[in-house]
Amino acid sequence: GEQQHLVWIKPGKAVEVYMPIVPTRLGDIDVTIMTKSQVAKDIITRRIHVEADGIPQYRHTTVQLDLSQGAYLI
């Protein structure tokens, strides 16, 4: 989704702005950044490649726990 940041930049200076990006799918994602001021505007688009972290899980075992009598560590 869209996010907006208001940043004050003095003339002739630069400011770093950190923007968290949380991918919701794997593959290539286009990220567009737009900056605006009273006198200029700039837009840049970069493609980010998202890969899965870790290893694939092919098997899952379900375990049912009865905690009605309390939980004890064995």
PDB file of N, CA and C in Angstrom:
ATOM      1  N   GLY A   1       0.812  -1.184   0.000  1.00  0.00           N
ATOM      2  CA  GLY A   1       0.000   0.000   0.000  1.00  0.00           C
ATOM      3  C   GLY A   1       0.854   1.246   0.000  1.00  0.00           C
ATOM      4  N   GLU A   2       0.208   2.339  -0.103  1.00  0.00           N
ATOM      5  CA  GLU A   2       0.914   3.615  -0.134  1.00  0.00           C
ATOM      6  C   GLU A   2       1.251   4.083   1.266  1.00  0.00           C
ATOM      7  N   GLN A   3       2.424   4.699   1.401  1.00  0.00           N
ATOM      8  CA  GLN A   3       2.836   5.337   2.642  1.00  0.00           C
ATOM      9  C   GLN A   3       3.386   6.704   2.305  1.00  0.00           C
ATOM     10  N   GLN A   4       3.220   7.643   3.210  1.00  0.00           N
ATOM     11  CA  GLN A   4       3.752   8.988   3.005  1.00  0.00           C
ATOM     12  C   GLN A   4       4.642   9.364   4.177  1.00  0.00           C
ATOM     13  N   HIS A   5       5.756  10.025   3.867  1.00  0.00           N
ATOM     14  CA  HIS A   5       6.682  10.530   4.876  1.00  0.00           C
ATOM     15  C   HIS A   5       6.919  12.004   4.585  1.00  0.00           C
ATOM     16  N   LEU A   6       6.812  12.838   5.599  1.00  0.00           N
ATOM     17  CA  LEU A   6       7.132  14.256   5.463  1.00  0.00           C
ATOM     18  C   LEU A   6       8.537  14.455   6.005  1.00  0.00           C
ATOM     19  N   VAL A   7       9.446  14.911   5.132  1.00  0.00           N
ATOM     20  CA  VAL A   7      10.854  15.038   5.494  1.00  0.00           C
ATOM     21  C   VAL A   7      11.315  16.451   5.189  1.00  0.00           C
ATOM     22  N   TRP A   8      11.958  17.093   6.166  1.00  0.00           N
ATOM     23  CA  TRP A   8      12.526  18.425   5.954  1.00  0.00           C
ATOM     24  C   TRP A   8      13.975  18.264   5.518  1.00  0.00           C
ATOM     25  N   ILE A   9      14.308  18.855   4.371  1.00  0.00           N
ATOM     26  CA  ILE A   9      15.669  18.786   3.840  1.00  0.00           C
ATOM     27  C   ILE A   9      16.165  20.207   3.603  1.00  0.00           C
ATOM     28  N   LYS A  10      17.302  20.537   4.193  1.00  0.00           N
ATOM     29  CA  LYS A  10      17.879  21.864   3.999  1.00  0.00           C
ATOM     30  C   LYS A  10      18.494  21.954   2.605  1.00  0.00           C
ATOM     31  N   PRO A  11      18.552  23.141   2.027  1.00  0.00           N
ATOM     32  CA  PRO A  11      19.120  23.306   0.684  1.00  0.00           C
ATOM     33  C   PRO A  11      20.555  22.779   0.611  1.00  0.00           C
ATOM     34  N   GLY A  12      20.827  22.006  -0.432  1.00  0.00           N
ATOM     35  CA  GLY A  12      22.162  21.462  -0.641  1.00  0.00           C
ATOM     36  C   GLY A  12      22.500  20.272   0.235  1.00  0.00           C
ATOM     37  N   LYS A  13      21.548  19.758   0.981  1.00  0.00           N
ATOM     38  CA  LYS A  13      21.784  18.630   1.888  1.00  0.00           C
ATOM     39  C   LYS A  13      21.015  17.401   1.412  1.00  0.00           C
ATOM     40  N   ALA A  14      21.310  16.262   2.017  1.00  0.00           N
ATOM     41  CA  ALA A  14      20.619  15.011   1.708  1.00  0.00           C
ATOM     42  C   ALA A  14      20.157  14.371   3.015  1.00  0.00           C
ATOM     43  N   VAL A  15      19.092  13.602   2.934  1.00  0.00           N
ATOM     44  CA  VAL A  15      18.540  12.914   4.098  1.00  0.00           C
ATOM     45  C   VAL A  15      18.218  11.483   3.692  1.00  0.00           C
ATOM     46  N   GLU A  16      18.574  10.526   4.561  1.00  0.00           N
ATOM     47  CA  GLU A  16      18.204   9.135   4.322  1.00  0.00           C
ATOM     48  C   GLU A  16      16.843   8.869   4.951  1.00  0.00           C
ATOM     49  N   VAL A  17      15.983   8.182   4.211  1.00  0.00           N
ATOM     50  CA  VAL A  17      14.663   7.809   4.713  1.00  0.00           C
ATOM     51  C   VAL A  17      14.550   6.297   4.585  1.00  0.00           C
ATOM     52  N   TYR A  18      14.365   5.618   5.709  1.00  0.00           N
ATOM     53  CA  TYR A  18      14.235   4.166   5.702  1.00  0.00           C
ATOM     54  C   TYR A  18      12.762   3.798   5.583  1.00  0.00           C
ATOM     55  N   MET A  19      12.455   2.947   4.603  1.00  0.00           N
ATOM     56  CA  MET A  19      11.081   2.513   4.372  1.00  0.00           C
ATOM     57  C   MET A  19      11.024   0.992   4.450  1.00  0.00           C
ATOM     58  N   PRO A  20      10.326   0.455   5.442  1.00  0.00           N
ATOM     59  CA  PRO A  20      10.222  -1.003   5.526  1.00  0.00           C
ATOM     60  C   PRO A  20       9.360  -1.549   4.395  1.00  0.00           C
ATOM     61  N   ILE A  21       9.843  -2.611   3.763  1.00  0.00           N
ATOM     62  CA  ILE A  21       9.100  -3.263   2.685  1.00  0.00           C
ATOM     63  C   ILE A  21       8.837  -4.695   3.131  1.00  0.00           C
ATOM     64  N   VAL A  22       7.571  -5.068   3.232  1.00  0.00           N
ATOM     65  CA  VAL A  22       7.191  -6.416   3.649  1.00  0.00           C
ATOM     66  C   VAL A  22       6.540  -7.107   2.458  1.00  0.00           C
ATOM     67  N   PRO A  23       7.272  -7.991   1.774  1.00  0.00           N
ATOM     68  CA  PRO A  23       6.687  -8.667   0.613  1.00  0.00           C
ATOM     69  C   PRO A  23       5.613  -9.662   1.045  1.00  0.00           C
ATOM     70  N   THR A  24       4.558  -9.755   0.249  1.00  0.00           N
ATOM     71  CA  THR A  24       3.470 -10.690   0.542  1.00  0.00           C
ATOM     72  C   THR A  24       3.451 -11.869  -0.413  1.00  0.00           C
ATOM     73  N   ARG A  25       4.386 -11.888  -1.359  1.00  0.00           N
ATOM     74  CA  ARG A  25       4.465 -13.017  -2.292  1.00  0.00           C
ATOM     75  C   ARG A  25       5.902 -13.155  -2.769  1.00  0.00           C
ATOM     76  N   LEU A  26       6.215 -14.313  -3.314  1.00  0.00           N
ATOM     77  CA  LEU A  26       7.548 -14.571  -3.847  1.00  0.00           C
ATOM     78  C   LEU A  26       7.634 -14.103  -5.293  1.00  0.00           C
ATOM     79  N   GLY A  27       8.850 -13.885  -5.749  1.00  0.00           N
ATOM     80  CA  GLY A  27       9.058 -13.479  -7.140  1.00  0.00           C
ATOM     81  C   GLY A  27       9.491 -12.028  -7.225  1.00  0.00           C
ATOM     82  N   ASP A  28       9.286 -11.435  -8.393  1.00  0.00           N
ATOM     83  CA  ASP A  28       9.686 -10.052  -8.626  1.00  0.00           C
ATOM     84  C   ASP A  28       8.567  -9.096  -8.230  1.00  0.00           C
ATOM     85  N   ILE A  29       8.931  -8.050  -7.493  1.00  0.00           N
ATOM     86  CA  ILE A  29       7.981  -7.035  -7.045  1.00  0.00           C
ATOM     87  C   ILE A  29       8.523  -5.677  -7.464  1.00  0.00           C
ATOM     88  N   ASP A  30       7.685  -4.864  -8.096  1.00  0.00           N
ATOM     89  CA  ASP A  30       8.077  -3.510  -8.464  1.00  0.00           C
ATOM     90  C   ASP A  30       7.775  -2.567  -7.308  1.00  0.00           C
ATOM     91  N   VAL A  31       8.783  -1.787  -6.903  1.00  0.00           N
ATOM     92  CA  VAL A  31       8.637  -0.800  -5.836  1.00  0.00           C
ATOM     93  C   VAL A  31       8.861   0.573  -6.450  1.00  0.00           C
ATOM     94  N   THR A  32       7.888   1.470  -6.295  1.00  0.00           N
ATOM     95  CA  THR A  32       7.977   2.818  -6.851  1.00  0.00           C
ATOM     96  C   THR A  32       8.084   3.826  -5.717  1.00  0.00           C
ATOM     97  N   ILE A  33       9.092   4.689  -5.804  1.00  0.00           N
ATOM     98  CA  ILE A  33       9.310   5.754  -4.830  1.00  0.00           C
ATOM     99  C   ILE A  33       9.128   7.083  -5.553  1.00  0.00           C
ATOM    100  N   MET A  34       8.317   7.983  -4.968  1.00  0.00           N
ATOM    101  CA  MET A  34       8.102   9.298  -5.563  1.00  0.00           C
ATOM    102  C   MET A  34       8.453  10.359  -4.528  1.00  0.00           C
ATOM    103  N   THR A  35       9.232  11.358  -4.964  1.00  0.00           N
ATOM    104  CA  THR A  35       9.542  12.500  -4.105  1.00  0.00           C
ATOM    105  C   THR A  35       8.976  13.751  -4.750  1.00  0.00           C
ATOM    106  N   LYS A  36       8.449  14.646  -3.902  1.00  0.00           N
ATOM    107  CA  LYS A  36       7.863  15.895  -4.409  1.00  0.00           C
ATOM    108  C   LYS A  36       8.285  17.054  -3.525  1.00  0.00           C
ATOM    109  N   SER A  37       8.472  18.195  -4.164  1.00  0.00           N
ATOM    110  CA  SER A  37       8.660  19.450  -3.440  1.00  0.00           C
ATOM    111  C   SER A  37       7.850  20.518  -4.171  1.00  0.00           C
ATOM    112  N   GLN A  38       8.003  21.775  -3.749  1.00  0.00           N
ATOM    113  CA  GLN A  38       7.257  22.841  -4.416  1.00  0.00           C
ATOM    114  C   GLN A  38       7.779  23.107  -5.828  1.00  0.00           C
ATOM    115  N   VAL A  39       9.021  22.706  -6.113  1.00  0.00           N
ATOM    116  CA  VAL A  39       9.617  23.044  -7.408  1.00  0.00           C
ATOM    117  C   VAL A  39       9.958  21.839  -8.275  1.00  0.00           C
ATOM    118  N   ALA A  40       9.935  20.634  -7.736  1.00  0.00           N
ATOM    119  CA  ALA A  40      10.347  19.474  -8.536  1.00  0.00           C
ATOM    120  C   ALA A  40       9.665  18.204  -8.035  1.00  0.00           C
ATOM    121  N   LYS A  41       9.725  17.180  -8.883  1.00  0.00           N
ATOM    122  CA  LYS A  41       9.182  15.866  -8.547  1.00  0.00           C
ATOM    123  C   LYS A  41      10.061  14.819  -9.215  1.00  0.00           C
ATOM    124  N   ASP A  42      10.280  13.690  -8.551  1.00  0.00           N
ATOM    125  CA  ASP A  42      11.084  12.615  -9.115  1.00  0.00           C
ATOM    126  C   ASP A  42      10.434  11.288  -8.757  1.00  0.00           C
ATOM    127  N   ILE A  43      10.397  10.379  -9.720  1.00  0.00           N
ATOM    128  CA  ILE A  43       9.815   9.050  -9.514  1.00  0.00           C
ATOM    129  C   ILE A  43      10.834   8.020  -9.972  1.00  0.00           C
ATOM    130  N   ILE A  44      11.033   6.992  -9.151  1.00  0.00           N
ATOM    131  CA  ILE A  44      11.942   5.917  -9.522  1.00  0.00           C
ATOM    132  C   ILE A  44      11.273   4.583  -9.183  1.00  0.00           C
ATOM    133  N   THR A  45      11.415   3.603 -10.064  1.00  0.00           N
ATOM    134  CA  THR A  45      10.856   2.269  -9.851  1.00  0.00           C
ATOM    135  C   THR A  45      11.989   1.256  -9.918  1.00  0.00           C
ATOM    136  N   ARG A  46      12.049   0.395  -8.928  1.00  0.00           N
ATOM    137  CA  ARG A  46      13.048  -0.666  -8.894  1.00  0.00           C
ATOM    138  C   ARG A  46      12.334  -2.000  -8.704  1.00  0.00           C
ATOM    139  N   ARG A  47      12.895  -3.032  -9.305  1.00  0.00           N
ATOM    140  CA  ARG A  47      12.346  -4.384  -9.163  1.00  0.00           C
ATOM    141  C   ARG A  47      13.145  -5.116  -8.089  1.00  0.00           C
ATOM    142  N   ILE A  48      12.429  -5.680  -7.124  1.00  0.00           N
ATOM    143  CA  ILE A  48      13.043  -6.443  -6.038  1.00  0.00           C
ATOM    144  C   ILE A  48      12.667  -7.906  -6.227  1.00  0.00           C
ATOM    145  N   HIS A  49      13.677  -8.785  -6.173  1.00  0.00           N
ATOM    146  CA  HIS A  49      13.425 -10.219  -6.300  1.00  0.00           C
ATOM    147  C   HIS A  49      13.325 -10.820  -4.896  1.00  0.00           C
ATOM    148  N   VAL A  50      12.185 -11.440  -4.591  1.00  0.00           N
ATOM    149  CA  VAL A  50      11.924 -12.011  -3.269  1.00  0.00           C
ATOM    150  C   VAL A  50      12.036 -13.525  -3.362  1.00  0.00           C
ATOM    151  N   GLU A  51      12.899 -14.092  -2.498  1.00  0.00           N
ATOM    152  CA  GLU A  51      13.064 -15.543  -2.437  1.00  0.00           C
ATOM    153  C   GLU A  51      12.641 -16.037  -1.057  1.00  0.00           C
ATOM    154  N   ALA A  52      12.234 -17.294  -0.994  1.00  0.00           N
ATOM    155  CA  ALA A  52      11.830 -17.893   0.283  1.00  0.00           C
ATOM    156  C   ALA A  52      13.055 -18.102   1.161  1.00  0.00           C
ATOM    157  N   ASP A  53      12.885 -17.883   2.452  1.00  0.00           N
ATOM    158  CA  ASP A  53      13.958 -18.075   3.413  1.00  0.00           C
ATOM    159  C   ASP A  53      13.762 -19.423   4.090  1.00  0.00           C
ATOM    160  N   GLY A  54      14.828 -20.166   4.287  1.00  0.00           N
ATOM    161  CA  GLY A  54      14.716 -21.454   4.948  1.00  0.00           C
ATOM    162  C   GLY A  54      14.606 -22.592   3.949  1.00  0.00           C
ATOM    163  N   ILE A  55      14.026 -23.703   4.397  1.00  0.00           N
ATOM    164  CA  ILE A  55      13.896 -24.883   3.548  1.00  0.00           C
ATOM    165  C   ILE A  55      12.420 -25.252   3.423  1.00  0.00           C
ATOM    166  N   PRO A  56      12.046 -25.922   2.327  1.00  0.00           N
ATOM    167  CA  PRO A  56      10.644 -26.327   2.165  1.00  0.00           C
ATOM    168  C   PRO A  56      10.233 -27.347   3.232  1.00  0.00           C
ATOM    169  N   GLN A  57       8.992 -27.254   3.682  1.00  0.00           N
ATOM    170  CA  GLN A  57       8.450 -28.200   4.654  1.00  0.00           C
ATOM    171  C   GLN A  57       7.416 -29.054   3.932  1.00  0.00           C
ATOM    172  N   TYR A  58       7.724 -30.346   3.792  1.00  0.00           N
ATOM    173  CA  TYR A  58       6.848 -31.248   3.051  1.00  0.00           C
ATOM    174  C   TYR A  58       5.959 -32.081   3.966  1.00  0.00           C
ATOM    175  N   ARG A  59       6.327 -32.208   5.239  1.00  0.00           N
ATOM    176  CA  ARG A  59       5.585 -33.059   6.150  1.00  0.00           C
ATOM    177  C   ARG A  59       5.206 -32.279   7.402  1.00  0.00           C
ATOM    178  N   HIS A  60       4.013 -32.531   7.898  1.00  0.00           N
ATOM    179  CA  HIS A  60       3.530 -31.850   9.099  1.00  0.00           C
ATOM    180  C   HIS A  60       2.868 -32.877  10.001  1.00  0.00           C
ATOM    181  N   THR A  61       3.198 -32.850  11.273  1.00  0.00           N
ATOM    182  CA  THR A  61       2.609 -33.770  12.239  1.00  0.00           C
ATOM    183  C   THR A  61       1.768 -32.975  13.229  1.00  0.00           C
ATOM    184  N   THR A  62       0.500 -33.348  13.365  1.00  0.00           N
ATOM    185  CA  THR A  62      -0.403 -32.680  14.288  1.00  0.00           C
ATOM    186  C   THR A  62      -0.337 -33.365  15.645  1.00  0.00           C
ATOM    187  N   VAL A  63      -0.244 -32.580  16.699  1.00  0.00           N
ATOM    188  CA  VAL A  63      -0.208 -33.104  18.057  1.00  0.00           C
ATOM    189  C   VAL A  63      -1.288 -32.391  18.855  1.00  0.00           C
ATOM    190  N   GLN A  64      -2.122 -33.161  19.554  1.00  0.00           N
ATOM    191  CA  GLN A  64      -3.167 -32.571  20.376  1.00  0.00           C
ATOM    192  C   GLN A  64      -2.706 -32.587  21.831  1.00  0.00           C
ATOM    193  N   LEU A  65      -2.759 -31.428  22.475  1.00  0.00           N
ATOM    194  CA  LEU A  65      -2.324 -31.310  23.863  1.00  0.00           C
ATOM    195  C   LEU A  65      -3.524 -31.082  24.765  1.00  0.00           C
ATOM    196  N   ASP A  66      -3.541 -31.770  25.915  1.00  0.00           N
ATOM    197  CA  ASP A  66      -4.581 -31.570  26.920  1.00  0.00           C
ATOM    198  C   ASP A  66      -3.966 -30.783  28.072  1.00  0.00           C
ATOM    199  N   LEU A  67      -4.277 -29.501  28.145  1.00  0.00           N
ATOM    200  CA  LEU A  67      -3.717 -28.644  29.187  1.00  0.00           C
ATOM    201  C   LEU A  67      -4.724 -28.366  30.302  1.00  0.00           C
ATOM    202  N   SER A  68      -5.770 -29.190  30.405  1.00  0.00           N
ATOM    203  CA  SER A  68      -6.795 -28.960  31.424  1.00  0.00           C
ATOM    204  C   SER A  68      -6.248 -29.187  32.839  1.00  0.00           C
ATOM    205  N   GLN A  69      -5.231 -30.032  33.003  1.00  0.00           N
ATOM    206  CA  GLN A  69      -4.629 -30.300  34.311  1.00  0.00           C
ATOM    207  C   GLN A  69      -3.371 -29.459  34.531  1.00  0.00           C
ATOM    208  N   GLY A  70      -3.113 -28.538  33.646  1.00  0.00           N
ATOM    209  CA  GLY A  70      -1.910 -27.707  33.761  1.00  0.00           C
ATOM    210  C   GLY A  70      -0.839 -28.198  32.810  1.00  0.00           C
ATOM    211  N   ALA A  71       0.167 -27.387  32.649  1.00  0.00           N
ATOM    212  CA  ALA A  71       1.255 -27.734  31.739  1.00  0.00           C
ATOM    213  C   ALA A  71       2.502 -28.062  32.544  1.00  0.00           C
ATOM    214  N   TYR A  72       3.132 -29.171  32.222  1.00  0.00           N
ATOM    215  CA  TYR A  72       4.365 -29.588  32.879  1.00  0.00           C
ATOM    216  C   TYR A  72       5.410 -29.860  31.818  1.00  0.00           C
ATOM    217  N   LEU A  73       6.629 -29.469  32.120  1.00  0.00           N
ATOM    218  CA  LEU A  73       7.738 -29.708  31.207  1.00  0.00           C
ATOM    219  C   LEU A  73       8.418 -30.998  31.612  1.00  0.00           C
ATOM    220  N   ILE A  74       8.546 -31.919  30.693  1.00  0.00           N
ATOM    221  CA  ILE A  74       9.156 -33.222  31.002  1.00  0.00           C
ATOM    222  C   ILE A  74      10.579 -33.234  30.514  1.00  0.00           C
TER     223      ILE A  74
END
